[in-house]
Protein backbone atom coordinates (compact mmCIF):
# COMPACT_ATOMS: atom_id res chain seq x y z
CA LEU A 1 177.52 179.28 42.41
CA ALA A 2 181.22 178.66 42.83
CA GLN A 3 180.64 179.50 46.77
CA MET A 4 177.65 176.88 46.62
CA GLN A 5 179.99 174.29 44.91
CA LYS A 6 182.99 175.09 47.63
CA PHE A 7 180.93 174.14 50.60
CA MET A 8 178.20 171.69 49.24
CA GLY A 9 180.19 168.31 50.44
CA ALA A 10 180.33 169.79 53.97
CA ILE A 11 176.98 170.75 53.74
CA THR A 12 176.12 167.25 52.86
CA ASP A 13 178.56 165.51 54.88
CA ILE A 14 176.91 167.86 58.35
CA GLY A 15 173.68 166.31 56.65
CA GLN A 16 174.66 163.21 57.45
CA PHE A 17 176.67 163.71 60.39
CA ILE A 18 173.04 164.72 61.87
CA ALA A 19 170.96 162.12 60.35
CA THR A 20 173.28 158.79 61.79
CA THR A 21 173.25 160.28 65.49
CA ALA A 22 170.87 159.26 67.76
CA ASP A 23 171.43 161.83 69.94
CA LEU A 24 171.48 165.02 68.63
CA GLU A 25 171.62 167.43 71.99
CA SER A 26 174.96 165.61 73.02
CA LEU A 27 176.52 166.57 69.18
CA LEU A 28 175.37 170.10 68.54
CA PRO A 29 178.54 171.38 69.82
CA GLU A 30 180.37 169.04 67.34
CA ILE A 31 177.53 170.09 64.47
CA LEU A 32 178.47 174.03 65.63
CA ARG A 33 182.36 173.57 65.04
CA LYS A 34 181.62 171.83 61.87
CA ILE A 35 179.09 174.38 60.35
CA ASN A 36 181.79 177.17 61.53
CA MET A 37 183.89 175.77 58.94
CA ILE A 38 181.56 176.73 55.88
CA LEU A 39 180.19 180.06 57.43
CA PRO A 40 180.44 182.08 60.75
CA THR A 41 177.87 180.96 63.66
CA SER A 42 177.82 181.75 67.14
CA GLU A 43 174.56 179.97 67.25
CA PHE A 44 173.04 176.98 65.63
CA GLY A 45 170.01 175.61 66.75
CA ILE A 46 166.88 173.23 65.35
CA ALA A 47 163.44 174.41 66.82
CA MET A 48 160.90 171.72 65.99
CA TYR A 49 156.95 172.65 65.40
CA ASP A 50 153.53 171.45 66.88
CA ASP A 51 150.93 172.22 64.50
CA LYS A 52 148.32 170.81 66.72
CA SER A 53 149.36 172.92 69.61
CA ASP A 54 151.11 175.48 67.57
CA ILE A 55 153.85 175.55 69.69
CA LEU A 56 157.57 175.98 68.61
CA ASP A 57 160.00 174.43 70.58
CA TYR A 58 163.35 175.47 70.82
CA ARG A 59 164.97 172.12 72.11
CA HIS A 60 167.81 171.89 70.00
CA PHE A 61 169.90 174.90 70.42
CA VAL A 62 173.32 175.57 71.17
CA ASP A 63 176.08 178.24 71.11
CA ALA A 64 180.00 178.69 72.24
CA LYS A 65 179.15 178.44 76.06
CA GLY A 66 177.41 175.68 75.26
CA LEU A 67 173.77 174.45 75.34
CA ILE A 68 170.94 176.64 75.48
CA PRO A 69 167.77 175.78 77.73
CA ASN A 70 164.98 174.50 76.24
CA LEU A 71 162.28 177.41 75.31
CA LYS A 72 158.70 177.04 73.67
CA VAL A 73 157.05 179.65 71.97
CA VAL A 74 153.14 179.47 71.11
CA CYS A 75 153.23 181.03 67.54
CA GLN A 76 149.75 182.23 68.06
CA ASP A 77 150.32 184.49 70.99
CA ASN A 78 154.19 185.62 69.88
CA GLN A 79 155.17 187.45 67.04
CA THR A 80 158.85 186.52 66.78
CA ILE A 81 161.05 186.17 63.69
CA GLY A 82 160.60 182.29 64.34
CA THR A 83 156.62 182.60 64.16
CA TYR A 84 157.33 184.21 60.79
CA VAL A 85 158.96 181.45 59.02
CA ILE A 86 156.26 179.22 60.76
CA ARG A 87 153.53 180.97 58.99
CA LYS A 88 154.99 182.20 55.98
CA ARG A 89 156.85 178.96 55.54
CA ALA A 90 159.84 181.57 54.17
CA THR A 91 163.46 181.89 55.05
CA VAL A 92 164.01 185.11 56.26
CA HIS A 93 168.11 186.91 55.81
CA LEU A 94 168.71 189.69 58.25
CA ASN A 95 172.43 191.00 58.24
CA SER A 96 171.18 193.85 60.86
CA MET A 97 168.96 194.04 63.54
CA THR A 98 167.89 197.61 62.98
CA ASP A 99 163.55 198.23 63.74
CA ALA A 100 163.80 198.93 59.76
CA ALA A 101 165.06 195.40 59.14
CA LEU A 102 162.94 193.66 61.74
CA GLU A 103 159.74 195.80 60.79
CA PRO A 104 158.29 192.93 58.62
CA TYR A 105 158.64 190.02 60.76
CA ILE A 106 157.95 191.47 63.85
CA ASP A 107 154.94 193.78 65.55
CA ASN A 108 156.68 197.15 66.40
CA SER A 109 153.53 198.15 68.64
CA THR A 110 155.67 196.18 71.69
CA SER A 111 159.18 196.47 72.94
CA GLN A 112 161.78 194.94 70.54
CA ASP A 113 162.80 192.31 73.66
CA ASP A 114 159.19 191.13 73.85
CA ASN A 115 159.17 190.18 70.40
CA ILE A 116 162.38 188.12 69.69
CA VAL A 117 163.23 185.20 71.45
CA THR A 118 166.65 185.51 73.11
CA PHE A 119 167.98 182.56 75.26
CA ARG A 120 170.88 184.72 77.13
CA GLY A 121 168.68 187.55 78.35
CA LYS A 122 170.07 190.05 75.44
CA LEU A 123 169.64 190.70 72.06
CA ASP A 124 173.36 189.59 70.68
CA THR A 125 172.11 188.68 67.17
CA ASN A 126 173.05 190.72 64.63
CA SER A 127 173.17 188.37 61.35
CA MET A 128 170.38 185.46 60.80
CA ILE A 129 169.66 183.00 58.43
CA LEU A 130 166.36 180.93 59.59
CA THR A 131 164.74 178.59 57.34
CA PRO A 132 161.48 176.14 57.56
CA ILE A 133 162.39 172.69 57.84
CA ILE A 134 159.70 170.92 55.78
CA LEU A 135 158.94 166.95 54.88
CA ASN A 136 156.81 165.72 52.22
CA GLU A 137 154.92 169.36 52.19
CA LYS A 138 154.68 169.44 55.94
CA LEU A 139 156.30 171.90 58.20
CA ILE A 140 158.12 170.14 61.05
CA GLY A 141 160.21 173.05 62.81
CA LEU A 142 162.81 175.69 61.89
CA LEU A 143 166.42 176.07 61.61
CA SER A 144 168.40 178.79 62.72
CA GLU A 145 171.79 180.47 62.37
CA GLN A 146 172.83 183.17 64.00
CA HIS A 147 175.58 185.29 64.58
CA HIS A 148 176.35 188.50 66.72
CA LEU A 149 178.19 190.24 63.89
CA PRO A 150 176.46 192.52 61.16
CA ASN A 151 176.81 191.52 57.82
CA GLN A 152 178.12 187.99 57.82
CA TYR A 153 175.75 186.18 55.59
CA GLN A 154 175.29 186.35 51.94
CA GLU A 155 172.88 184.90 49.22
CA HIS A 156 174.26 181.50 49.00
CA HIS A 157 174.39 180.63 52.61
CA CYS A 158 170.70 180.97 52.77
CA GLU A 159 171.25 178.31 49.72
CA LEU A 160 173.05 176.27 52.05
CA ILE A 161 171.27 176.47 54.52
CA GLU A 162 168.10 175.32 52.80
CA HIS A 163 170.23 172.59 51.67
CA LEU A 164 170.67 171.63 55.16
CA ALA A 165 167.24 171.85 55.86
CA SER A 166 166.00 169.55 53.82
CA PHE A 167 168.38 166.99 55.08
CA ILE A 168 167.56 167.52 58.82
CA ALA A 169 163.73 167.44 57.89
CA ALA A 170 164.55 163.80 56.50
CA SER A 171 166.43 162.53 59.26
CA LEU A 172 164.51 163.92 62.08
CA PRO A 173 162.36 161.33 64.26
CA ASN A 174 158.90 161.60 61.94
CA PRO A 175 156.61 158.47 62.77
CA PRO A 176 154.29 157.33 59.70
CA PRO A 177 150.82 157.80 59.74
CA PRO A 178 149.25 154.93 61.01
CA PRO A 179 147.25 152.66 58.74
CA PRO A 180 143.40 153.54 57.93
CA LEU A 181 141.33 151.15 60.29
CA ASP A 182 139.48 150.20 57.18
CA THR A 183 142.44 148.61 55.66
CA ALA A 184 143.31 146.25 58.78
CA PRO A 185 141.69 143.54 57.73
CA GLN A 186 143.41 143.28 54.61
CA THR A 187 146.76 143.86 56.06
CA LEU A 188 146.17 140.86 58.39
CA GLU A 189 145.05 138.45 56.17
CA VAL A 190 147.95 139.45 53.49
CA LEU A 191 150.59 139.29 56.28
CA SER A 192 148.71 135.72 57.64
CA THR A 193 148.99 134.43 54.01
C-alpha cells in the first residue's frame, strides 16, 4: 500500500500526459522515460485490439533503442501471452520466462519462438506485466511493461499498471456509436426547434 501511494501520483501524471497528447507515437520515448522513474522498464507499449477482425495491433511500442516496428497478430491463429490477455481479460505478471512459467499462457506443442511475439528477433524479456485496456466493458487493447532482467515486478507494480491502463482507456480515441436511425427525425426536430 505504501508503494502504491508513493507512485500513484506519478502514474496519474503519466496518464494525463498520454491523454493530452495528439501524437502518441512521437511521445513514446518520453513516456518510457517517465515510467522508468517508477518501475524498471526495458519496453513499454500499447497494443490496440479490433474485435471485428480479432487482430491485436502492436502499434505503440518503444524500447531503449527507439520505436518498435508495428506488428499485427490474428488472435484466433496465434497463442501468445498477449492473446491470452485479450481472451481472458486478465493481467499477466511474469518474473521469469521458463517453460513452466509460460505453460498456462502459450501452447508448448510448438517452439517458444513461434508463440511469443518478439520484435527484435530474439526473446530478451524476463519480466513482464500485460494488462487489458477496457473502456465501458469493451476491450480495446493491452498495456505492456517488460524488462530484460528477471524478478523486476511486484504485485504493487501490477496495480499501478492496471491504474495506468484505465487512464489510457479513457484517453484513446474511441468514436461514439452512431445514434439509431429511428431517432434521427426526433433529433433533427429538437435541433431545429
